[in-house]
């Protein structure tokens, strides 16, 4: 199976959607699966998958930070409206 086929499978696969506030559960699940595969991978292969996990982490952190900032802005706008 090539990378395009794997990508299509990842996009179309049925999977639970975690709550936005518990996005870190995705990494816990990923690391659990990676731990099961680690013995079958060489150091380079494992390093690539760990790096992908790091990219997932950074992407999810950025998305969460943006979500929290939007909530903060919404709350501030609501406070300003209630003062008028």
C-alpha atoms as a PDB file:
ATOM      1  CA  UNK A   1       0.000   0.000   0.000  1.00  0.00           C
ATOM      2  CA  UNK A   2       1.448   3.383  -0.946  1.00  0.00           C
ATOM      3  CA  UNK A   3       1.255   6.651   1.009  1.00  0.00           C
ATOM      4  CA  UNK A   4      -1.681   7.993  -1.037  1.00  0.00           C
ATOM      5  CA  UNK A   5      -3.715   4.884  -0.249  1.00  0.00           C
ATOM      6  CA  UNK A   6      -2.804   5.102   3.429  1.00  0.00           C
ATOM      7  CA  UNK A   7      -3.746   8.787   3.516  1.00  0.00           C
ATOM      8  CA  UNK A   8      -7.106   8.008   1.918  1.00  0.00           C
ATOM      9  CA  UNK A   9      -7.686   5.306   4.528  1.00  0.00           C
ATOM     10  CA  UNK A  10      -6.822   7.685   7.380  1.00  0.00           C
ATOM     11  CA  UNK A  11      -9.213  10.312   6.041  1.00  0.00           C
ATOM     12  CA  UNK A  12     -12.086   7.910   5.409  1.00  0.00           C
ATOM     13  CA  UNK A  13     -11.679   5.551   8.376  1.00  0.00           C
ATOM     14  CA  UNK A  14     -14.390   5.539  10.982  1.00  0.00           C
ATOM     15  CA  UNK A  15     -12.897   6.760  14.241  1.00  0.00           C
ATOM     16  CA  UNK A  16     -14.200   8.429  17.371  1.00  0.00           C
ATOM     17  CA  UNK A  17     -13.907  12.198  17.470  1.00  0.00           C
ATOM     18  CA  UNK A  18     -12.330  13.252  20.757  1.00  0.00           C
ATOM     19  CA  UNK A  19     -13.604  16.265  22.624  1.00  0.00           C
ATOM     20  CA  UNK A  20     -11.549  19.344  21.742  1.00  0.00           C
ATOM     21  CA  UNK A  21     -10.584  19.786  25.373  1.00  0.00           C
ATOM     22  CA  UNK A  22      -9.124  16.258  25.494  1.00  0.00           C
ATOM     23  CA  UNK A  23      -7.087  16.397  22.277  1.00  0.00           C
ATOM     24  CA  UNK A  24      -4.092  14.895  24.081  1.00  0.00           C
ATOM     25  CA  UNK A  25      -5.921  11.552  24.150  1.00  0.00           C
ATOM     26  CA  UNK A  26      -5.083  11.235  20.436  1.00  0.00           C
ATOM     27  CA  UNK A  27      -1.374  11.220  21.303  1.00  0.00           C
ATOM     28  CA  UNK A  28      -1.900   8.716  24.115  1.00  0.00           C
ATOM     29  CA  UNK A  29      -3.620   6.353  21.673  1.00  0.00           C
ATOM     30  CA  UNK A  30      -0.926   6.933  19.023  1.00  0.00           C
ATOM     31  CA  UNK A  31       1.907   6.283  21.486  1.00  0.00           C
ATOM     32  CA  UNK A  32       0.200   3.077  22.641  1.00  0.00           C
ATOM     33  CA  UNK A  33       0.048   1.760  19.082  1.00  0.00           C
ATOM     34  CA  UNK A  34       3.601   2.918  18.439  1.00  0.00           C
ATOM     35  CA  UNK A  35       4.827   1.095  21.544  1.00  0.00           C
ATOM     36  CA  UNK A  36       3.391  -2.158  20.157  1.00  0.00           C
ATOM     37  CA  UNK A  37       5.254  -1.631  16.863  1.00  0.00           C
ATOM     38  CA  UNK A  38       8.530  -0.264  18.245  1.00  0.00           C
ATOM     39  CA  UNK A  39      10.311  -3.626  18.519  1.00  0.00           C
ATOM     40  CA  UNK A  40       9.636  -4.310  14.822  1.00  0.00           C
ATOM     41  CA  UNK A  41      11.095  -0.983  13.655  1.00  0.00           C
ATOM     42  CA  UNK A  42      14.677   0.104  13.283  1.00  0.00           C
ATOM     43  CA  UNK A  43      15.871   3.265  15.021  1.00  0.00           C
ATOM     44  CA  UNK A  44      15.380   5.423  11.925  1.00  0.00           C
ATOM     45  CA  UNK A  45      11.826   4.190  11.287  1.00  0.00           C
ATOM     46  CA  UNK A  46      10.869   4.663  14.924  1.00  0.00           C
ATOM     47  CA  UNK A  47      12.426   8.128  14.863  1.00  0.00           C
ATOM     48  CA  UNK A  48      10.280   9.098  11.863  1.00  0.00           C
ATOM     49  CA  UNK A  49       7.099   7.967  13.593  1.00  0.00           C
ATOM     50  CA  UNK A  50       8.058   9.750  16.820  1.00  0.00           C
ATOM     51  CA  UNK A  51       8.692  12.905  14.766  1.00  0.00           C
ATOM     52  CA  UNK A  52       5.206  12.531  13.247  1.00  0.00           C
ATOM     53  CA  UNK A  53       3.815  12.295  16.766  1.00  0.00           C
ATOM     54  CA  UNK A  54       5.684  15.482  17.641  1.00  0.00           C
ATOM     55  CA  UNK A  55       4.126  17.217  14.627  1.00  0.00           C
ATOM     56  CA  UNK A  56       0.670  15.979  15.691  1.00  0.00           C
ATOM     57  CA  UNK A  57       1.361  17.360  19.170  1.00  0.00           C
ATOM     58  CA  UNK A  58       2.442  20.776  17.925  1.00  0.00           C
ATOM     59  CA  UNK A  59      -0.479  21.018  15.498  1.00  0.00           C
ATOM     60  CA  UNK A  60      -2.985  20.041  18.169  1.00  0.00           C
ATOM     61  CA  UNK A  61      -1.440  22.480  20.674  1.00  0.00           C
ATOM     62  CA  UNK A  62      -1.699  25.316  18.152  1.00  0.00           C
ATOM     63  CA  UNK A  63      -5.319  24.447  17.404  1.00  0.00           C
ATOM     64  CA  UNK A  64      -6.118  24.287  21.113  1.00  0.00           C
ATOM     65  CA  UNK A  65      -4.396  27.617  21.767  1.00  0.00           C
ATOM     66  CA  UNK A  66      -6.424  29.216  18.959  1.00  0.00           C
ATOM     67  CA  UNK A  67      -9.627  27.694  20.356  1.00  0.00           C
ATOM     68  CA  UNK A  68      -8.888  29.005  23.849  1.00  0.00           C
ATOM     69  CA  UNK A  69      -8.024  32.442  22.491  1.00  0.00           C
ATOM     70  CA  UNK A  70     -11.293  32.580  20.541  1.00  0.00           C
ATOM     71  CA  UNK A  71     -13.209  31.660  23.699  1.00  0.00           C
ATOM     72  CA  UNK A  72     -11.368  34.373  25.615  1.00  0.00           C
ATOM     73  CA  UNK A  73     -12.184  36.974  22.936  1.00  0.00           C
ATOM     74  CA  UNK A  74     -15.819  35.871  22.941  1.00  0.00           C
ATOM     75  CA  UNK A  75     -15.997  36.198  26.724  1.00  0.00           C
ATOM     76  CA  UNK A  76     -14.372  39.647  26.640  1.00  0.00           C
ATOM     77  CA  UNK A  77     -16.798  40.784  23.933  1.00  0.00           C
ATOM     78  CA  UNK A  78     -19.696  39.487  26.017  1.00  0.00           C
ATOM     79  CA  UNK A  79     -18.420  41.349  29.090  1.00  0.00           C
ATOM     80  CA  UNK A  80     -18.084  44.574  27.090  1.00  0.00           C
ATOM     81  CA  UNK A  81     -21.615  44.176  25.713  1.00  0.00           C
ATOM     82  CA  UNK A  82     -23.063  43.632  29.186  1.00  0.00           C
ATOM     83  CA  UNK A  83     -21.454  46.851  30.462  1.00  0.00           C
ATOM     84  CA  UNK A  84     -23.205  48.981  27.847  1.00  0.00           C
END
